[in-house]
Amino acid sequence: MAEGLVLVIDDEKDLLELVRYNLEKEGYQVRTAEDGENGLEAAVREMPDIVIVDLMLPGIDGLDVCRRLRADQRMARTPIIMLTAKTTETDRVVGLEMGADDYITKPFSPRELAARIKAVLRRVSSQQPPVSQSRIIRRGGLTIDLERRGVRCGKENIDLTATEFRLLQILARHAGRVYTRSELIEGALGKDIAVVDRTIDVHITSLRRKLGIFGDRIETVRGFGYRFQEQLD
């Protein structure tokens, strides 16, 4: 049984073939593209379960691909893993700010990539709430629909990445509780992902910006982490 459809966008043909071979062995369907323009067209045409995109691409680069996918309502919540040969924290942060859910630095082993893909897809599927839990979270004018994975601020629909949605769900469901960065990393990114605390800070900053006037309800608790304000709901 196929594990899911993966779109890989990279200009290195040898890498594409290596990744395709190993992911197909793991049970995934794989589509590939060698540049950003064709990658964007393939994403809309194929509607993959996850996109793997290289940071450095001819023409439209990986950051712009990520930004455009996030701006397209059809692909706004599709998980994205960014491949990068750059190892500085700044490069990783920029990728996350553009909407990537995870990153992996080159060179990498096909086994590591497969593990990351599995972890991200498992995280997305786990966002479906148990039957015993309410499928709607309301906090004042903020509404979070867990079944449809939709967020509304007042009458406005807000597009969030899978990671941003998971963070908001965790914080809003237990308003007033302080979550450490480590707890948020485990809850939103999974135990399989090795990231620095700065990663969560980047996602929180982006989440606050997208929530507009409701963004201030996510408080920084200095020395501990974050919490969602308790207000009259």
C-alpha atoms as a PDB file:
ATOM      1  CA  MET A   1       0.000   0.000   0.000  1.00  0.00           C
ATOM      2  CA  ALA A   2       1.382   3.428  -0.971  1.00  0.00           C
ATOM      3  CA  GLU A   3       2.464   5.581   1.949  1.00  0.00           C
ATOM      4  CA  GLY A   4       1.682   8.835   0.146  1.00  0.00           C
ATOM      5  CA  LEU A   5       2.635  11.012  -2.811  1.00  0.00           C
ATOM      6  CA  VAL A   6       5.932  12.909  -2.490  1.00  0.00           C
ATOM      7  CA  LEU A   7       7.012  15.722  -4.823  1.00  0.00           C
ATOM      8  CA  VAL A   8      10.779  16.319  -4.888  1.00  0.00           C
ATOM      9  CA  ILE A   9      12.094  19.537  -6.485  1.00  0.00           C
ATOM     10  CA  ASP A  10      15.867  19.626  -7.021  1.00  0.00           C
ATOM     11  CA  ASP A  11      18.149  20.459  -9.938  1.00  0.00           C
ATOM     12  CA  GLU A  12      20.547  17.560  -9.237  1.00  0.00           C
ATOM     13  CA  LYS A  13      19.400  14.681 -11.443  1.00  0.00           C
ATOM     14  CA  ASP A  14      21.494  12.090  -9.602  1.00  0.00           C
ATOM     15  CA  LEU A  15      19.994  13.153  -6.277  1.00  0.00           C
ATOM     16  CA  LEU A  16      16.466  12.990  -7.706  1.00  0.00           C
ATOM     17  CA  GLU A  17      17.017   9.449  -8.916  1.00  0.00           C
ATOM     18  CA  LEU A  18      18.563   8.387  -5.605  1.00  0.00           C
ATOM     19  CA  VAL A  19      15.712   9.890  -3.610  1.00  0.00           C
ATOM     20  CA  ARG A  20      13.089   8.433  -5.951  1.00  0.00           C
ATOM     21  CA  TYR A  21      14.594   4.941  -5.728  1.00  0.00           C
ATOM     22  CA  ASN A  22      14.783   4.928  -1.947  1.00  0.00           C
ATOM     23  CA  LEU A  23      11.386   6.502  -1.305  1.00  0.00           C
ATOM     24  CA  GLU A  24       9.677   4.104  -3.694  1.00  0.00           C
ATOM     25  CA  LYS A  25      11.302   1.253  -1.761  1.00  0.00           C
ATOM     26  CA  GLU A  26       9.613   2.693   1.337  1.00  0.00           C
ATOM     27  CA  GLY A  27       6.236   2.558  -0.412  1.00  0.00           C
ATOM     28  CA  TYR A  28       5.866   6.197  -1.476  1.00  0.00           C
ATOM     29  CA  GLN A  29       4.779   7.426  -4.878  1.00  0.00           C
ATOM     30  CA  VAL A  30       7.309   9.965  -6.113  1.00  0.00           C
ATOM     31  CA  ARG A  31       7.108  12.832  -8.606  1.00  0.00           C
ATOM     32  CA  THR A  32      10.108  15.005  -9.437  1.00  0.00           C
ATOM     33  CA  ALA A  33      10.879  18.405 -10.946  1.00  0.00           C
ATOM     34  CA  GLU A  34      14.251  19.978 -11.769  1.00  0.00           C
ATOM     35  CA  ASP A  35      13.409  23.652 -11.273  1.00  0.00           C
ATOM     36  CA  GLY A  36      11.060  25.855  -9.302  1.00  0.00           C
ATOM     37  CA  GLU A  37       8.654  26.690 -12.120  1.00  0.00           C
ATOM     38  CA  ASN A  38       8.040  23.073 -13.057  1.00  0.00           C
ATOM     39  CA  GLY A  39       7.915  22.175  -9.381  1.00  0.00           C
ATOM     40  CA  LEU A  40       5.089  24.650  -8.748  1.00  0.00           C
ATOM     41  CA  GLU A  41       3.168  23.346 -11.763  1.00  0.00           C
ATOM     42  CA  ALA A  42       3.648  19.759 -10.576  1.00  0.00           C
ATOM     43  CA  ALA A  43       2.487  20.658  -7.061  1.00  0.00           C
ATOM     44  CA  VAL A  44      -0.826  22.064  -8.291  1.00  0.00           C
ATOM     45  CA  ARG A  45      -1.295  19.273 -10.825  1.00  0.00           C
ATOM     46  CA  GLU A  46      -0.386  16.334  -8.568  1.00  0.00           C
ATOM     47  CA  MET A  47      -1.539  17.675  -5.172  1.00  0.00           C
ATOM     48  CA  PRO A  48       1.165  15.745  -3.270  1.00  0.00           C
ATOM     49  CA  ASP A  49       0.956  14.795   0.395  1.00  0.00           C
ATOM     50  CA  ILE A  50       4.339  16.446   1.020  1.00  0.00           C
ATOM     51  CA  VAL A  51       6.820  18.587  -0.944  1.00  0.00           C
ATOM     52  CA  ILE A  52      10.610  18.296  -0.699  1.00  0.00           C
ATOM     53  CA  VAL A  53      12.290  21.363  -2.208  1.00  0.00           C
ATOM     54  CA  ASP A  54      15.922  22.426  -2.551  1.00  0.00           C
ATOM     55  CA  LEU A  55      16.813  25.919  -1.385  1.00  0.00           C
ATOM     56  CA  MET A  56      19.088  26.624  -4.354  1.00  0.00           C
ATOM     57  CA  LEU A  57      17.178  26.193  -7.624  1.00  0.00           C
ATOM     58  CA  PRO A  58      17.597  27.798 -11.044  1.00  0.00           C
ATOM     59  CA  GLY A  59      15.055  30.510 -11.802  1.00  0.00           C
ATOM     60  CA  ILE A  60      12.515  30.422  -8.979  1.00  0.00           C
ATOM     61  CA  ASP A  61      14.471  29.430  -5.871  1.00  0.00           C
ATOM     62  CA  GLY A  62      13.294  27.170  -3.069  1.00  0.00           C
ATOM     63  CA  LEU A  63      12.298  30.020  -0.762  1.00  0.00           C
ATOM     64  CA  ASP A  64      10.061  31.518  -3.426  1.00  0.00           C
ATOM     65  CA  VAL A  65       8.591  28.101  -4.214  1.00  0.00           C
ATOM     66  CA  CYS A  66       7.758  27.710  -0.528  1.00  0.00           C
ATOM     67  CA  ARG A  67       6.260  31.199  -0.340  1.00  0.00           C
ATOM     68  CA  ARG A  68       4.095  30.648  -3.430  1.00  0.00           C
ATOM     69  CA  LEU A  69       2.834  27.294  -2.214  1.00  0.00           C
ATOM     70  CA  ARG A  70       1.816  28.845   1.088  1.00  0.00           C
ATOM     71  CA  ALA A  71      -0.007  31.634  -0.777  1.00  0.00           C
ATOM     72  CA  ASP A  72      -2.003  29.104  -2.829  1.00  0.00           C
ATOM     73  CA  GLN A  73      -5.100  28.026  -0.906  1.00  0.00           C
ATOM     74  CA  ARG A  74      -4.938  24.548  -2.455  1.00  0.00           C
ATOM     75  CA  MET A  75      -1.412  23.972  -1.112  1.00  0.00           C
ATOM     76  CA  ALA A  76      -1.352  26.232   1.934  1.00  0.00           C
ATOM     77  CA  ARG A  77      -1.329  23.350   4.450  1.00  0.00           C
ATOM     78  CA  THR A  78       0.722  20.836   2.464  1.00  0.00           C
ATOM     79  CA  PRO A  79       3.828  19.939   4.514  1.00  0.00           C
ATOM     80  CA  ILE A  80       7.134  21.184   3.086  1.00  0.00           C
ATOM     81  CA  ILE A  81      10.645  19.964   3.886  1.00  0.00           C
ATOM     82  CA  MET A  82      13.425  22.201   2.617  1.00  0.00           C
ATOM     83  CA  LEU A  83      16.763  20.809   1.449  1.00  0.00           C
ATOM     84  CA  THR A  84      19.743  23.089   1.922  1.00  0.00           C
ATOM     85  CA  ALA A  85      23.495  22.937   1.627  1.00  0.00           C
ATOM     86  CA  LYS A  86      23.645  25.996   3.863  1.00  0.00           C
ATOM     87  CA  THR A  87      24.092  25.125   7.514  1.00  0.00           C
ATOM     88  CA  THR A  88      23.867  28.503   9.251  1.00  0.00           C
ATOM     89  CA  GLU A  89      20.982  29.133  11.629  1.00  0.00           C
ATOM     90  CA  THR A  90      19.967  32.199   9.586  1.00  0.00           C
ATOM     91  CA  ASP A  91      19.350  30.118   6.466  1.00  0.00           C
ATOM     92  CA  ARG A  92      17.286  27.598   8.398  1.00  0.00           C
ATOM     93  CA  VAL A  93      15.272  30.354  10.075  1.00  0.00           C
ATOM     94  CA  VAL A  94      14.518  32.044   6.743  1.00  0.00           C
ATOM     95  CA  GLY A  95      13.233  28.752   5.362  1.00  0.00           C
ATOM     96  CA  LEU A  96      10.962  28.254   8.359  1.00  0.00           C
ATOM     97  CA  GLU A  97       9.711  31.833   8.097  1.00  0.00           C
ATOM     98  CA  MET A  98       8.743  31.176   4.488  1.00  0.00           C
ATOM     99  CA  GLY A  99       6.518  28.335   5.678  1.00  0.00           C
ATOM    100  CA  ALA A 100       8.695  25.219   5.598  1.00  0.00           C
ATOM    101  CA  ASP A 101       7.737  22.662   8.241  1.00  0.00           C
ATOM    102  CA  ASP A 102      11.180  21.093   8.498  1.00  0.00           C
ATOM    103  CA  TYR A 103      14.603  21.239   6.878  1.00  0.00           C
ATOM    104  CA  ILE A 104      17.406  18.815   6.175  1.00  0.00           C
ATOM    105  CA  THR A 105      20.972  19.763   5.270  1.00  0.00           C
ATOM    106  CA  LYS A 106      22.969  18.268   2.418  1.00  0.00           C
ATOM    107  CA  PRO A 107      24.550  15.813   2.247  1.00  0.00           C
ATOM    108  CA  PHE A 108      21.933  13.575   3.843  1.00  0.00           C
ATOM    109  CA  SER A 109      21.195   9.871   3.816  1.00  0.00           C
ATOM    110  CA  PRO A 110      18.050   8.619   2.032  1.00  0.00           C
ATOM    111  CA  ARG A 111      17.142   6.862   5.280  1.00  0.00           C
ATOM    112  CA  GLU A 112      17.225  10.174   7.169  1.00  0.00           C
ATOM    113  CA  LEU A 113      15.020  11.845   4.554  1.00  0.00           C
ATOM    114  CA  ALA A 114      12.531   8.965   4.669  1.00  0.00           C
ATOM    115  CA  ALA A 115      12.416   9.230   8.459  1.00  0.00           C
ATOM    116  CA  ARG A 116      11.761  12.973   8.295  1.00  0.00           C
ATOM    117  CA  ILE A 117       8.991  12.504   5.733  1.00  0.00           C
ATOM    118  CA  LYS A 118       7.357   9.827   7.844  1.00  0.00           C
ATOM    119  CA  ALA A 119       7.564  12.006  10.958  1.00  0.00           C
ATOM    120  CA  VAL A 120       6.029  15.039   9.253  1.00  0.00           C
ATOM    121  CA  LEU A 121       3.203  13.042   7.657  1.00  0.00           C
ATOM    122  CA  ARG A 122       2.497  11.307  10.953  1.00  0.00           C
ATOM    123  CA  ARG A 123       2.361  14.681  12.671  1.00  0.00           C
ATOM    124  CA  VAL A 124      -0.116  16.016  10.119  1.00  0.00           C
ATOM    125  CA  SER A 125      -2.373  12.962  10.411  1.00  0.00           C
ATOM    126  CA  SER A 126      -2.260  13.177  14.215  1.00  0.00           C
ATOM    127  CA  GLN A 127      -3.872  16.598  14.041  1.00  0.00           C
ATOM    128  CA  GLN A 128      -7.217  14.857  13.573  1.00  0.00           C
ATOM    129  CA  PRO A 129      -8.823  15.100  17.031  1.00  0.00           C
ATOM    130  CA  PRO A 130     -10.017  12.033  18.947  1.00  0.00           C
ATOM    131  CA  VAL A 131     -13.778  11.489  18.867  1.00  0.00           C
ATOM    132  CA  SER A 132     -13.980  12.344  22.550  1.00  0.00           C
ATOM    133  CA  GLN A 133     -12.530  15.807  21.989  1.00  0.00           C
ATOM    134  CA  SER A 134     -14.378  18.818  20.662  1.00  0.00           C
ATOM    135  CA  ARG A 135     -13.636  19.461  17.014  1.00  0.00           C
ATOM    136  CA  ILE A 136     -14.078  23.210  17.459  1.00  0.00           C
ATOM    137  CA  ILE A 137     -11.988  25.401  19.765  1.00  0.00           C
ATOM    138  CA  ARG A 138     -13.308  28.920  20.346  1.00  0.00           C
ATOM    139  CA  ARG A 139     -11.316  31.604  22.084  1.00  0.00           C
ATOM    140  CA  GLY A 140     -13.170  34.878  21.839  1.00  0.00           C
ATOM    141  CA  GLY A 141     -13.307  35.796  18.154  1.00  0.00           C
ATOM    142  CA  LEU A 142     -10.836  33.077  17.259  1.00  0.00           C
ATOM    143  CA  THR A 143     -12.274  29.793  15.950  1.00  0.00           C
ATOM    144  CA  ILE A 144     -10.172  26.681  15.301  1.00  0.00           C
ATOM    145  CA  ASP A 145     -11.835  23.876  13.345  1.00  0.00           C
ATOM    146  CA  LEU A 146      -9.792  20.747  14.045  1.00  0.00           C
ATOM    147  CA  GLU A 147     -11.644  18.549  11.579  1.00  0.00           C
ATOM    148  CA  ARG A 148     -11.248  20.878   8.609  1.00  0.00           C
ATOM    149  CA  ARG A 149      -7.986  22.307   9.925  1.00  0.00           C
ATOM    150  CA  GLY A 150      -9.338  25.803   9.415  1.00  0.00           C
ATOM    151  CA  VAL A 151      -8.822  28.959  11.476  1.00  0.00           C
ATOM    152  CA  ARG A 152     -10.986  32.070  11.506  1.00  0.00           C
ATOM    153  CA  CYS A 153     -10.213  35.373  13.161  1.00  0.00           C
ATOM    154  CA  GLY A 154     -13.592  37.049  13.347  1.00  0.00           C
ATOM    155  CA  LYS A 155     -14.933  36.570   9.816  1.00  0.00           C
ATOM    156  CA  GLU A 156     -11.519  36.216   8.186  1.00  0.00           C
ATOM    157  CA  ASN A 157     -10.073  32.831   7.223  1.00  0.00           C
ATOM    158  CA  ILE A 158      -6.402  32.472   8.157  1.00  0.00           C
ATOM    159  CA  ASP A 159      -4.012  30.214   6.231  1.00  0.00           C
ATOM    160  CA  LEU A 160      -1.529  28.459   8.512  1.00  0.00           C
ATOM    161  CA  THR A 161       1.157  25.896   7.840  1.00  0.00           C
ATOM    162  CA  ALA A 162       0.713  22.447   9.363  1.00  0.00           C
ATOM    163  CA  THR A 163       3.193  23.281  12.123  1.00  0.00           C
ATOM    164  CA  GLU A 164       1.602  26.652  12.898  1.00  0.00           C
ATOM    165  CA  PHE A 165      -1.827  25.033  13.090  1.00  0.00           C
ATOM    166  CA  ARG A 166      -0.548  22.358  15.460  1.00  0.00           C
ATOM    167  CA  LEU A 167       1.090  24.970  17.723  1.00  0.00           C
ATOM    168  CA  LEU A 168      -2.099  27.033  17.851  1.00  0.00           C
ATOM    169  CA  GLN A 169      -4.163  23.941  18.601  1.00  0.00           C
ATOM    170  CA  ILE A 170      -1.899  22.944  21.498  1.00  0.00           C
ATOM    171  CA  LEU A 171      -1.755  26.407  23.039  1.00  0.00           C
ATOM    172  CA  ALA A 172      -5.424  27.357  22.550  1.00  0.00           C
ATOM    173  CA  ARG A 173      -6.880  24.055  23.753  1.00  0.00           C
ATOM    174  CA  HIS A 174      -5.180  24.534  27.125  1.00  0.00           C
ATOM    175  CA  ALA A 175      -5.382  28.309  27.485  1.00  0.00           C
ATOM    176  CA  GLY A 176      -3.445  29.602  30.464  1.00  0.00           C
ATOM    177  CA  ARG A 177      -1.049  26.664  30.632  1.00  0.00           C
ATOM    178  CA  VAL A 178       2.608  27.472  30.062  1.00  0.00           C
ATOM    179  CA  TYR A 179       4.330  25.198  27.529  1.00  0.00           C
ATOM    180  CA  THR A 180       8.094  24.967  27.407  1.00  0.00           C
ATOM    181  CA  ARG A 181       9.801  25.140  24.032  1.00  0.00           C
ATOM    182  CA  SER A 182      10.745  21.485  24.398  1.00  0.00           C
ATOM    183  CA  GLU A 183       7.094  20.512  24.939  1.00  0.00           C
ATOM    184  CA  LEU A 184       6.045  22.513  21.884  1.00  0.00           C
ATOM    185  CA  ILE A 185       8.810  20.998  19.776  1.00  0.00           C
ATOM    186  CA  GLU A 186       7.658  17.505  20.742  1.00  0.00           C
ATOM    187  CA  GLY A 187       3.966  18.295  20.325  1.00  0.00           C
ATOM    188  CA  ALA A 188       4.180  20.227  17.052  1.00  0.00           C
ATOM    189  CA  LEU A 189       7.244  18.755  15.376  1.00  0.00           C
ATOM    190  CA  GLY A 190       7.521  15.309  16.931  1.00  0.00           C
ATOM    191  CA  LYS A 191      10.123  13.373  18.888  1.00  0.00           C
ATOM    192  CA  ASP A 192      11.902  12.366  15.693  1.00  0.00           C
ATOM    193  CA  ILE A 193      12.888  15.923  14.786  1.00  0.00           C
ATOM    194  CA  ALA A 194      16.113  17.362  16.190  1.00  0.00           C
ATOM    195  CA  VAL A 195      15.766  21.149  16.181  1.00  0.00           C
ATOM    196  CA  VAL A 196      16.915  24.108  18.231  1.00  0.00           C
ATOM    197  CA  ASP A 197      14.579  26.173  20.415  1.00  0.00           C
ATOM    198  CA  ARG A 198      14.896  29.004  17.888  1.00  0.00           C
ATOM    199  CA  THR A 199      12.819  26.932  15.469  1.00  0.00           C
ATOM    200  CA  ILE A 200       9.740  27.196  17.691  1.00  0.00           C
ATOM    201  CA  ASP A 201      10.349  30.932  18.175  1.00  0.00           C
ATOM    202  CA  VAL A 202      10.266  31.421  14.402  1.00  0.00           C
ATOM    203  CA  HIS A 203       6.999  29.499  14.029  1.00  0.00           C
ATOM    204  CA  ILE A 204       5.433  31.442  16.932  1.00  0.00           C
ATOM    205  CA  THR A 205       6.487  34.780  15.397  1.00  0.00           C
ATOM    206  CA  SER A 206       4.926  33.800  12.071  1.00  0.00           C
ATOM    207  CA  LEU A 207       1.774  32.532  13.808  1.00  0.00           C
ATOM    208  CA  ARG A 208       1.346  35.756  15.749  1.00  0.00           C
ATOM    209  CA  ARG A 209       1.717  37.809  12.589  1.00  0.00           C
ATOM    210  CA  LYS A 210      -0.916  35.784  10.733  1.00  0.00           C
ATOM    211  CA  LEU A 211      -3.376  35.991  13.637  1.00  0.00           C
ATOM    212  CA  GLY A 212      -3.271  39.798  13.555  1.00  0.00           C
ATOM    213  CA  ILE A 213      -5.009  41.329  16.581  1.00  0.00           C
ATOM    214  CA  PHE A 214      -5.350  37.859  18.086  1.00  0.00           C
ATOM    215  CA  GLY A 215      -1.592  37.271  17.891  1.00  0.00           C
ATOM    216  CA  ASP A 216      -1.026  39.061  21.190  1.00  0.00           C
ATOM    217  CA  ARG A 217      -2.935  36.309  22.966  1.00  0.00           C
ATOM    218  CA  ILE A 218       0.118  34.088  22.551  1.00  0.00           C
ATOM    219  CA  GLU A 219       2.283  35.294  25.412  1.00  0.00           C
ATOM    220  CA  THR A 220       5.989  34.765  25.903  1.00  0.00           C
ATOM    221  CA  VAL A 221       6.707  33.594  29.444  1.00  0.00           C
ATOM    222  CA  ARG A 222      10.303  34.607  29.894  1.00  0.00           C
ATOM    223  CA  GLY A 223      12.553  31.783  30.956  1.00  0.00           C
ATOM    224  CA  PHE A 224       9.870  29.137  30.360  1.00  0.00           C
ATOM    225  CA  GLY A 225       8.093  29.243  26.990  1.00  0.00           C
ATOM    226  CA  TYR A 226       4.657  30.282  25.751  1.00  0.00           C
ATOM    227  CA  ARG A 227       0.999  30.264  26.776  1.00  0.00           C
ATOM    228  CA  PHE A 228      -2.323  31.294  25.286  1.00  0.00           C
ATOM    229  CA  GLN A 229      -4.035  34.001  27.312  1.00  0.00           C
ATOM    230  CA  GLU A 230      -7.158  33.142  29.222  1.00  0.00           C
ATOM    231  CA  GLN A 231      -9.833  35.712  28.429  1.00  0.00           C
ATOM    232  CA  LEU A 232     -13.587  36.000  28.537  1.00  0.00           C
ATOM    233  CA  ASP A 233     -14.742  33.473  25.931  1.00  0.00           C
END
